[in-house]
Amino acid sequence: MRNLLYIVAVILVIGWLLGVFAYSAGGIIHILLVLAIVSIILSLIRRGV
């Protein structure tokens, strides 16, 4: 499950970076970044437990 969260986080960050350079997705880019950060934080919390 942890590997899946990391994969999702990486995909979301890559999508965010592509969107920043393309300037076409608007606010969705920032939502992708927030989702990536949340998934990384959740995986760190779960690893500690």
N, C-alpha and C. Protein backbone atom coordinates (compact mmCIF):
# COMPACT_ATOMS: atom_id res chain seq x y z
N MET A 1 0.83 -1.19 0.00
CA MET A 1 0.00 0.00 0.00
C MET A 1 0.87 1.25 0.00
N ARG A 2 2.00 1.21 0.71
CA ARG A 2 2.87 2.39 0.74
C ARG A 2 3.43 2.71 -0.63
N ASN A 3 3.82 1.65 -1.36
CA ASN A 3 4.36 1.87 -2.70
C ASN A 3 3.32 2.51 -3.60
N LEU A 4 2.07 2.13 -3.44
CA LEU A 4 1.00 2.70 -4.24
C LEU A 4 0.84 4.19 -3.95
N LEU A 5 0.95 4.57 -2.68
CA LEU A 5 0.84 5.99 -2.33
C LEU A 5 2.00 6.79 -2.92
N TYR A 6 3.18 6.24 -2.90
CA TYR A 6 4.32 6.93 -3.49
C TYR A 6 4.15 7.08 -5.00
N ILE A 7 3.66 6.04 -5.65
CA ILE A 7 3.44 6.10 -7.09
C ILE A 7 2.40 7.16 -7.43
N VAL A 8 1.31 7.19 -6.67
CA VAL A 8 0.27 8.19 -6.89
C VAL A 8 0.84 9.59 -6.66
N ALA A 9 1.63 9.76 -5.61
CA ALA A 9 2.21 11.06 -5.31
C ALA A 9 3.14 11.52 -6.43
N VAL A 10 3.95 10.62 -6.93
CA VAL A 10 4.88 10.97 -8.01
C VAL A 10 4.11 11.34 -9.27
N ILE A 11 3.08 10.58 -9.60
CA ILE A 11 2.27 10.88 -10.77
C ILE A 11 1.60 12.24 -10.63
N LEU A 12 1.09 12.54 -9.45
CA LEU A 12 0.44 13.83 -9.24
C LEU A 12 1.43 14.99 -9.32
N VAL A 13 2.62 14.81 -8.78
CA VAL A 13 3.63 15.87 -8.86
C VAL A 13 4.06 16.08 -10.30
N ILE A 14 4.25 15.00 -11.05
CA ILE A 14 4.61 15.13 -12.46
C ILE A 14 3.50 15.84 -13.23
N GLY A 15 2.26 15.47 -12.96
CA GLY A 15 1.13 16.15 -13.60
C GLY A 15 1.08 17.62 -13.25
N TRP A 16 1.40 17.94 -12.00
CA TRP A 16 1.42 19.33 -11.57
C TRP A 16 2.51 20.11 -12.30
N LEU A 17 3.70 19.51 -12.40
CA LEU A 17 4.80 20.17 -13.08
C LEU A 17 4.47 20.39 -14.56
N LEU A 18 3.88 19.39 -15.19
CA LEU A 18 3.50 19.55 -16.60
C LEU A 18 2.45 20.64 -16.75
N GLY A 19 1.52 20.69 -15.84
CA GLY A 19 0.47 21.71 -15.90
C GLY A 19 1.00 23.11 -15.67
N VAL A 20 1.99 23.23 -14.78
CA VAL A 20 2.58 24.55 -14.52
C VAL A 20 3.25 25.07 -15.79
N PHE A 21 3.93 24.19 -16.49
CA PHE A 21 4.61 24.63 -17.70
C PHE A 21 3.65 24.84 -18.86
N ALA A 22 2.53 24.16 -18.85
CA ALA A 22 1.57 24.30 -19.95
C ALA A 22 0.58 25.45 -19.71
N TYR A 23 0.36 25.82 -18.46
CA TYR A 23 -0.57 26.90 -18.09
C TYR A 23 -1.99 26.68 -18.61
N SER A 24 -2.38 25.43 -18.77
CA SER A 24 -3.70 25.20 -19.36
C SER A 24 -4.72 24.64 -18.38
N ALA A 25 -4.28 24.13 -17.23
CA ALA A 25 -5.20 23.45 -16.33
C ALA A 25 -5.76 24.36 -15.24
N GLY A 26 -5.20 25.52 -15.06
CA GLY A 26 -5.72 26.46 -14.08
C GLY A 26 -5.60 25.96 -12.65
N GLY A 27 -6.71 25.99 -11.90
CA GLY A 27 -6.70 25.62 -10.49
C GLY A 27 -6.51 24.13 -10.24
N ILE A 28 -6.73 23.31 -11.23
CA ILE A 28 -6.58 21.86 -11.06
C ILE A 28 -5.13 21.51 -10.74
N ILE A 29 -4.20 22.30 -11.24
CA ILE A 29 -2.78 22.06 -10.99
C ILE A 29 -2.49 22.09 -9.49
N HIS A 30 -3.05 23.07 -8.82
CA HIS A 30 -2.78 23.22 -7.40
C HIS A 30 -3.49 22.13 -6.60
N ILE A 31 -4.63 21.68 -7.06
CA ILE A 31 -5.31 20.57 -6.41
C ILE A 31 -4.47 19.31 -6.52
N LEU A 32 -3.84 19.09 -7.67
CA LEU A 32 -2.96 17.94 -7.84
C LEU A 32 -1.78 18.00 -6.88
N LEU A 33 -1.21 19.18 -6.72
CA LEU A 33 -0.09 19.33 -5.79
C LEU A 33 -0.52 19.04 -4.36
N VAL A 34 -1.66 19.55 -3.97
CA VAL A 34 -2.16 19.30 -2.61
C VAL A 34 -2.41 17.82 -2.40
N LEU A 35 -3.00 17.15 -3.37
CA LEU A 35 -3.24 15.70 -3.25
C LEU A 35 -1.93 14.93 -3.13
N ALA A 36 -0.92 15.33 -3.88
CA ALA A 36 0.37 14.66 -3.80
C ALA A 36 0.98 14.83 -2.43
N ILE A 37 0.92 16.04 -1.90
CA ILE A 37 1.50 16.30 -0.57
C ILE A 37 0.75 15.53 0.50
N VAL A 38 -0.58 15.50 0.41
CA VAL A 38 -1.38 14.77 1.39
C VAL A 38 -1.06 13.28 1.34
N SER A 39 -0.91 12.72 0.15
CA SER A 39 -0.60 11.29 0.07
C SER A 39 0.78 10.99 0.64
N ILE A 40 1.74 11.88 0.46
CA ILE A 40 3.06 11.67 1.04
C ILE A 40 2.99 11.76 2.55
N ILE A 41 2.26 12.73 3.08
CA ILE A 41 2.13 12.87 4.53
C ILE A 41 1.44 11.66 5.13
N LEU A 42 0.39 11.18 4.47
CA LEU A 42 -0.31 9.98 4.97
C LEU A 42 0.62 8.77 4.99
N SER A 43 1.44 8.62 3.96
CA SER A 43 2.34 7.48 3.95
C SER A 43 3.39 7.59 5.03
N LEU A 44 3.87 8.81 5.32
CA LEU A 44 4.83 8.99 6.41
C LEU A 44 4.20 8.70 7.76
N ILE A 45 2.95 9.12 7.95
CA ILE A 45 2.26 8.85 9.22
C ILE A 45 2.04 7.36 9.40
N ARG A 46 1.62 6.68 8.34
CA ARG A 46 1.36 5.24 8.43
C ARG A 46 2.65 4.45 8.66
N ARG A 47 3.75 4.94 8.12
CA ARG A 47 5.02 4.25 8.32
C ARG A 47 5.46 4.33 9.77
N GLY A 48 5.16 5.46 10.42
CA GLY A 48 5.53 5.64 11.81
C GLY A 48 4.72 4.79 12.76
N VAL A 49 3.52 4.38 12.37
CA VAL A 49 2.64 3.62 13.25
C VAL A 49 2.95 2.17 13.25
